[in-house]
Amino acid sequence: MKTIGVLLSGCGVADGSEIHEAVLSLLAIRENGFKAMCFAPNEPQHHVTNHVTDQAMDESRNMMVEAARIARGDIRDLATVHAADFDGLVIPGGFGAATNLTDWAFSGPDGKILPEVSRIINETVLAGKPIAALCMGPTVVALALKESGMNAELSVGSTAEGSPYDIAAISEGMNVAGQTAVMKTIREIAIDADKKIISAPCYMMDADILDVRKNISQAIKALTDFL
């Protein structure tokens, strides 16, 4: 059975991986006849958020330890994982994509990306293996490809429909990072056939869990079609 890697950044939309997106990805992977392998950086989160009050908490948490909650304890340290270990890669969204895996939330396209995160993304692309980037996940891919001088079509959503985020500004940021931003609604996915990179807007758009499930199912099916 082929394996799909799932790169997590913690546990919780406000300070780690978006839990709905992560779990629905795991479900879609199995529904398509593949198995998942979860991993995360073994490093501290940028911050910890009280998800009831949306206020920062005065404590520190580890991305891998928190991500193990989603993975039911079956988690690996990203530093020990290579593209040879899986057949495709999924990057769920959540603020952890923009504060833990990268610092896009603070510096946009001029921001930094964790070296191990950049490594695994570029290894995957160079190995010709597909990637599905969800929600804010395309910004992580954008910064990784910027470091290697590669370009891909990526989408974080569409300005044509409602969003709680500034889709235009984030899209322009990806352009500045050397990528090609395209507009896609919650009912669509973007596919860069050359790089085998799929983008799905998910919760970047005004959407409920049913919309997000369908969007993720589209993305995972497109990813597995490359295999």
Protein backbone atom coordinates (compact mmCIF):
# COMPACT_ATOMS: atom_id res chain seq x y z
CA MET A 1 0.00 0.00 0.00
CA LYS A 2 1.35 3.39 -0.97
CA THR A 3 1.96 6.01 1.71
CA ILE A 4 1.00 9.69 1.83
CA GLY A 5 3.01 11.89 4.18
CA VAL A 6 1.11 14.48 6.23
CA LEU A 7 3.12 17.45 7.48
CA LEU A 8 1.62 18.85 10.69
CA SER A 9 2.51 22.00 12.63
CA GLY A 10 0.81 21.43 15.97
CA CYS A 11 -2.82 20.91 16.98
CA GLY A 12 -5.34 23.72 16.67
CA VAL A 13 -6.34 26.27 14.05
CA ALA A 14 -5.00 29.30 15.92
CA ASP A 15 -1.52 28.01 16.72
CA GLY A 16 -0.95 24.78 14.80
CA SER A 17 -2.55 22.55 12.19
CA GLU A 18 -6.25 23.09 11.43
CA ILE A 19 -7.74 19.97 13.00
CA HIS A 20 -10.67 19.55 10.60
CA GLU A 21 -8.36 19.84 7.60
CA ALA A 22 -5.83 17.41 9.08
CA VAL A 23 -8.39 14.77 10.06
CA LEU A 24 -10.35 15.07 6.82
CA SER A 25 -7.06 14.63 4.93
CA LEU A 26 -6.32 11.46 6.88
CA LEU A 27 -9.83 10.19 6.12
CA ALA A 28 -9.58 11.01 2.40
CA ILE A 29 -6.19 9.31 2.17
CA ARG A 30 -7.66 6.06 3.52
CA GLU A 31 -10.82 6.40 1.41
CA ASN A 32 -8.57 6.48 -1.67
CA GLY A 33 -6.83 3.26 -0.61
CA PHE A 34 -3.61 4.73 0.77
CA LYS A 35 -2.11 4.90 4.23
CA ALA A 36 -0.91 8.07 5.98
CA MET A 37 2.34 8.82 7.73
CA CYS A 38 2.24 11.87 10.00
CA PHE A 39 5.28 13.93 10.91
CA ALA A 40 6.08 17.36 12.33
CA PRO A 41 9.08 19.47 13.30
CA ASN A 42 10.36 18.53 16.74
CA GLU A 43 10.54 22.20 17.72
CA PRO A 44 8.60 24.71 19.85
CA GLN A 45 5.54 26.43 18.45
CA HIS A 46 5.80 30.17 17.94
CA HIS A 47 3.03 30.71 20.50
CA VAL A 48 0.14 28.96 22.24
CA THR A 49 -3.44 30.20 21.90
CA ASN A 50 -6.42 29.67 24.19
CA HIS A 51 -8.97 28.53 21.62
CA VAL A 52 -11.87 29.66 23.82
CA THR A 53 -10.73 33.27 24.23
CA ASP A 54 -8.39 33.50 21.21
CA GLN A 55 -5.80 35.01 23.54
CA ALA A 56 -2.13 34.06 23.78
CA MET A 57 -1.16 31.84 26.71
CA ASP A 58 2.05 32.14 28.69
CA GLU A 59 3.38 28.68 27.95
CA SER A 60 5.40 26.75 25.40
CA ARG A 61 4.42 23.66 23.43
CA ASN A 62 6.23 21.41 20.97
CA MET A 63 4.87 21.02 17.44
CA MET A 64 5.51 17.28 17.23
CA VAL A 65 4.08 16.56 20.69
CA GLU A 66 0.94 18.56 19.88
CA ALA A 67 0.59 17.04 16.40
CA ALA A 68 0.68 13.59 18.02
CA ARG A 69 -2.82 14.36 19.33
CA ILE A 70 -4.10 14.35 15.73
CA ALA A 71 -1.98 11.36 14.74
CA ARG A 72 -3.10 9.30 17.77
CA GLY A 73 0.52 9.11 18.85
CA ASP A 74 1.78 7.72 15.55
CA ILE A 75 4.05 10.66 14.70
CA ARG A 76 7.58 11.02 13.37
CA ASP A 77 10.18 13.75 13.74
CA LEU A 78 10.39 15.59 10.42
CA ALA A 79 14.19 15.57 10.68
CA THR A 80 14.13 11.77 10.24
CA VAL A 81 11.79 11.78 7.23
CA HIS A 82 12.77 11.94 3.56
CA ALA A 83 10.80 12.00 0.32
CA ALA A 84 11.86 8.40 -0.28
CA ASP A 85 9.67 7.42 2.70
CA PHE A 86 6.36 8.34 1.04
CA ASP A 87 4.64 8.60 -2.33
CA GLY A 88 2.93 11.98 -1.91
CA LEU A 89 2.73 14.81 0.61
CA VAL A 90 -0.20 16.70 2.17
CA ILE A 91 0.21 20.01 4.03
CA PRO A 92 -2.92 21.00 6.00
CA GLY A 93 -3.45 24.64 6.89
CA GLY A 94 -4.00 26.45 10.16
CA PHE A 95 -2.04 29.37 11.57
CA GLY A 96 0.82 26.98 12.31
CA ALA A 97 1.63 27.10 8.60
CA ALA A 98 2.25 30.84 8.90
CA THR A 99 3.74 31.00 12.42
CA ASN A 100 5.46 27.65 13.01
CA LEU A 101 6.50 26.15 9.67
CA THR A 102 7.21 29.66 8.36
CA ASP A 103 6.92 33.21 9.66
CA TRP A 104 4.66 34.33 6.81
CA ALA A 105 2.21 35.80 9.35
CA PHE A 106 4.84 38.36 10.35
CA SER A 107 7.02 38.83 7.26
CA GLY A 108 4.93 37.62 4.31
CA PRO A 109 6.91 36.61 1.21
CA ASP A 110 10.11 37.98 2.76
CA GLY A 111 9.74 35.57 5.66
CA LYS A 112 11.71 32.50 6.61
CA ILE A 113 10.81 28.83 6.44
CA LEU A 114 12.12 26.13 8.75
CA PRO A 115 15.03 24.45 6.96
CA GLU A 116 13.61 20.95 7.47
CA VAL A 117 10.26 22.04 6.04
CA SER A 118 11.93 23.55 2.98
CA ARG A 119 14.00 20.41 2.57
CA ILE A 120 11.08 17.96 2.60
CA ILE A 121 9.03 20.04 0.16
CA ASN A 122 11.88 20.50 -2.30
CA GLU A 123 12.89 16.84 -1.99
CA THR A 124 9.31 15.85 -2.83
CA VAL A 125 9.09 18.13 -5.87
CA LEU A 126 12.49 17.09 -7.19
CA ALA A 127 11.53 13.42 -6.75
CA GLY A 128 8.50 14.03 -8.97
CA LYS A 129 6.06 13.18 -6.19
CA PRO A 130 2.78 15.08 -5.76
CA ILE A 131 1.94 17.60 -3.04
CA ALA A 132 -1.49 18.76 -1.87
CA ALA A 133 -1.31 22.08 0.00
CA LEU A 134 -4.47 23.09 1.85
CA CYS A 135 -5.66 26.47 3.15
CA MET A 136 -2.45 28.41 4.07
CA GLY A 137 -0.32 25.44 3.03
CA PRO A 138 0.44 26.98 -0.40
CA THR A 139 2.33 29.82 1.30
CA VAL A 140 4.63 27.22 2.88
CA VAL A 141 5.20 25.70 -0.56
CA ALA A 142 5.78 29.18 -1.99
CA LEU A 143 8.61 29.94 0.44
CA ALA A 144 10.18 26.50 -0.07
CA LEU A 145 10.17 26.87 -3.86
CA LYS A 146 11.47 30.42 -3.55
CA GLU A 147 14.58 29.02 -1.87
CA SER A 148 15.16 26.55 -4.70
CA GLY A 149 14.29 28.97 -7.50
CA MET A 150 11.31 26.97 -8.71
CA ASN A 151 7.89 28.29 -9.73
CA ALA A 152 4.45 26.75 -9.37
CA GLU A 153 0.81 27.77 -9.72
CA LEU A 154 -0.68 28.00 -6.23
CA SER A 155 -4.00 29.13 -4.77
CA VAL A 156 -5.18 30.20 -1.33
CA GLY A 157 -8.70 31.04 -2.54
CA SER A 158 -10.60 33.57 -4.59
CA THR A 159 -11.50 37.24 -4.26
CA ALA A 160 -14.75 36.50 -6.10
CA GLU A 161 -16.38 35.03 -2.99
CA GLY A 162 -16.37 35.69 0.74
CA SER A 163 -13.32 35.03 2.89
CA PRO A 164 -12.29 35.89 6.46
CA TYR A 165 -8.79 36.63 5.13
CA ASP A 166 -7.16 39.01 2.66
CA ILE A 167 -6.95 36.65 -0.31
CA ALA A 168 -5.69 39.40 -2.63
CA ALA A 169 -2.77 40.31 -0.35
CA ILE A 170 -1.75 36.71 0.32
CA SER A 171 -1.97 35.89 -3.38
CA GLU A 172 0.18 38.89 -4.25
CA GLY A 173 2.65 37.75 -1.61
CA MET A 174 2.97 34.39 -3.35
CA ASN A 175 3.61 36.22 -6.62
CA VAL A 176 6.35 38.24 -4.90
CA ALA A 177 7.81 34.96 -3.67
CA GLY A 178 8.27 33.92 -7.30
CA GLN A 179 5.13 31.80 -7.67
CA THR A 180 2.02 32.23 -9.80
CA ALA A 181 -1.09 32.82 -7.71
CA VAL A 182 -4.40 31.70 -9.20
CA MET A 183 -7.93 32.20 -7.91
CA LYS A 184 -10.00 29.18 -6.88
CA THR A 185 -13.25 29.00 -4.92
CA ILE A 186 -14.09 26.50 -2.16
CA ARG A 187 -15.57 24.27 -4.87
CA GLU A 188 -12.35 24.21 -6.89
CA ILE A 189 -8.73 23.14 -6.67
CA ALA A 190 -5.65 24.40 -8.50
CA ILE A 191 -3.41 21.82 -10.18
CA ASP A 192 0.09 22.59 -11.36
CA ALA A 193 0.54 19.55 -13.60
CA ASP A 194 4.24 20.20 -14.20
CA LYS A 195 5.22 20.32 -10.51
CA LYS A 196 2.38 17.99 -9.43
CA ILE A 197 1.21 20.48 -6.81
CA ILE A 198 -2.45 20.74 -5.87
CA SER A 199 -3.91 23.65 -3.88
CA ALA A 200 -7.29 23.68 -2.10
CA PRO A 201 -8.63 26.83 -0.39
CA CYS A 202 -10.55 25.04 2.40
CA TYR A 203 -11.11 27.35 5.39
CA MET A 204 -9.42 30.29 3.67
CA MET A 205 -12.88 30.85 2.21
CA ASP A 206 -16.22 31.27 4.00
CA ALA A 207 -17.00 27.58 4.30
CA ASP A 208 -18.42 24.99 6.65
CA ILE A 209 -17.09 21.52 7.34
CA LEU A 210 -19.09 19.94 4.50
CA ASP A 211 -17.57 22.39 1.99
CA VAL A 212 -14.11 21.72 3.37
CA ARG A 213 -14.57 17.96 3.27
CA LYS A 214 -15.53 18.10 -0.41
CA ASN A 215 -12.62 20.42 -1.21
CA ILE A 216 -10.12 18.16 0.55
CA SER A 217 -11.58 15.09 -1.14
CA GLN A 218 -11.02 16.81 -4.50
CA ALA A 219 -7.41 17.59 -3.57
CA ILE A 220 -6.53 14.13 -2.27
CA LYS A 221 -8.15 12.47 -5.30
CA ALA A 222 -6.09 14.73 -7.59
CA LEU A 223 -2.95 13.85 -5.63
CA THR A 224 -3.59 10.11 -5.85
CA ASP A 225 -4.33 10.40 -9.58
CA PHE A 226 -0.63 11.27 -10.01
CA LEU A 227 0.39 7.97 -8.38
